[in-house]
Each structure stands twice: as structure tokens, then as C-alpha cells.
Amino acid sequence: MKHNILRLPSVKARTGLSRSTIYLRISGSSFPAPISLGGRAVGWIESEIEEWLQRQIEASRRTEA
């Protein structure tokens, strides 16, 4: 199975969230956790970020209706 890995700048651009908000939500288990890429590098699995975005969109649409 092929996985695309996103680094923090890409995650920030796709979600519109700041670094501190991303890590705050990770600690609260409301955002996908990064995976270790070795050393001090981490990345996020693109499909997990896309699924999170889709859930946010759906939740937003439900509250507007």
C-alpha cells in the first residue's frame, strides 16, 4: 500500500491550523498523530489528514442545517 507523507508546512496549509493548534489537538486526540520519519523528523499520512478534513466539513454542515 502506498502512503503519501505530509510534512508540517503542508499540513498547516491544508488545514488552516497553526503549529500550536495542531499539536494541541493531537494531545487531545482530536487530530491525527504524526509518524516518526527518523531522527527528529515527523510527518502525517495524507489519507488521515484528508479523512479528518472530511469529518470537519461534515460536522460543520450538520450544525448549519
Protein backbone atom coordinates (compact mmCIF):
# COMPACT_ATOMS: atom_id res chain seq x y z
CA MET A 1 0.00 0.00 0.00
CA LYS A 2 1.36 3.41 -0.97
CA HIS A 3 1.23 6.26 1.55
CA ASN A 4 1.97 9.90 0.90
CA ILE A 5 3.61 11.65 3.81
CA LEU A 6 2.95 15.33 4.53
CA ARG A 7 5.35 17.47 6.49
CA LEU A 8 4.12 20.18 8.87
CA PRO A 9 4.04 23.09 6.37
CA SER A 10 1.75 21.06 4.10
CA VAL A 11 -0.49 20.03 6.99
CA LYS A 12 -0.77 23.65 8.11
CA ALA A 13 -1.62 24.77 4.56
CA ARG A 14 -4.29 22.10 4.06
CA THR A 15 -5.98 22.54 7.43
CA GLY A 16 -5.53 26.25 8.04
CA LEU A 17 -4.37 25.43 11.57
CA SER A 18 -1.26 26.75 13.27
CA ARG A 19 1.53 24.50 14.54
CA SER A 20 0.49 25.01 18.16
CA THR A 21 -3.17 24.24 17.41
CA ILE A 22 -2.23 21.07 15.54
CA TYR A 23 -0.15 19.80 18.47
CA LEU A 24 -2.81 20.86 20.99
CA ARG A 25 -5.42 18.85 19.08
CA ILE A 26 -3.05 15.87 18.81
CA SER A 27 -2.64 15.89 22.61
CA GLY A 28 -6.42 15.95 22.92
CA SER A 29 -6.78 13.06 20.44
CA SER A 30 -8.84 15.18 18.04
CA PHE A 31 -6.26 15.32 15.23
CA PRO A 32 -4.22 12.56 13.58
CA ALA A 33 -0.89 11.90 15.26
CA PRO A 34 2.29 12.18 13.21
CA ILE A 35 4.56 9.25 12.46
CA SER A 36 8.29 9.25 13.09
CA LEU A 37 10.42 9.55 9.97
CA GLY A 38 13.64 9.09 11.90
CA GLY A 39 15.74 11.44 13.94
CA ARG A 40 13.63 14.46 14.81
CA ALA A 41 11.55 14.36 11.63
CA VAL A 42 7.84 13.58 11.66
CA GLY A 43 5.14 13.52 9.03
CA TRP A 44 1.45 12.88 8.68
CA ILE A 45 -0.23 10.28 6.49
CA GLU A 46 -2.06 12.22 3.81
CA SER A 47 -5.16 9.99 3.85
CA GLU A 48 -5.59 10.53 7.61
CA ILE A 49 -5.44 14.30 7.15
CA GLU A 50 -7.96 14.11 4.29
CA GLU A 51 -10.31 11.98 6.42
CA TRP A 52 -10.02 14.47 9.29
CA LEU A 53 -10.82 17.34 6.92
CA GLN A 54 -13.86 15.48 5.56
CA ARG A 55 -15.16 14.88 9.11
CA GLN A 56 -14.71 18.58 9.90
CA ILE A 57 -16.65 19.56 6.77
CA GLU A 58 -19.46 17.11 7.55
CA ALA A 59 -19.71 18.28 11.18
CA SER A 60 -19.80 21.89 10.04
CA ARG A 61 -22.56 21.22 7.51
CA ARG A 62 -24.69 19.35 10.08
CA THR A 63 -24.61 22.26 12.51
CA GLU A 64 -25.60 24.76 9.79
CA ALA A 65 -28.68 22.83 8.65
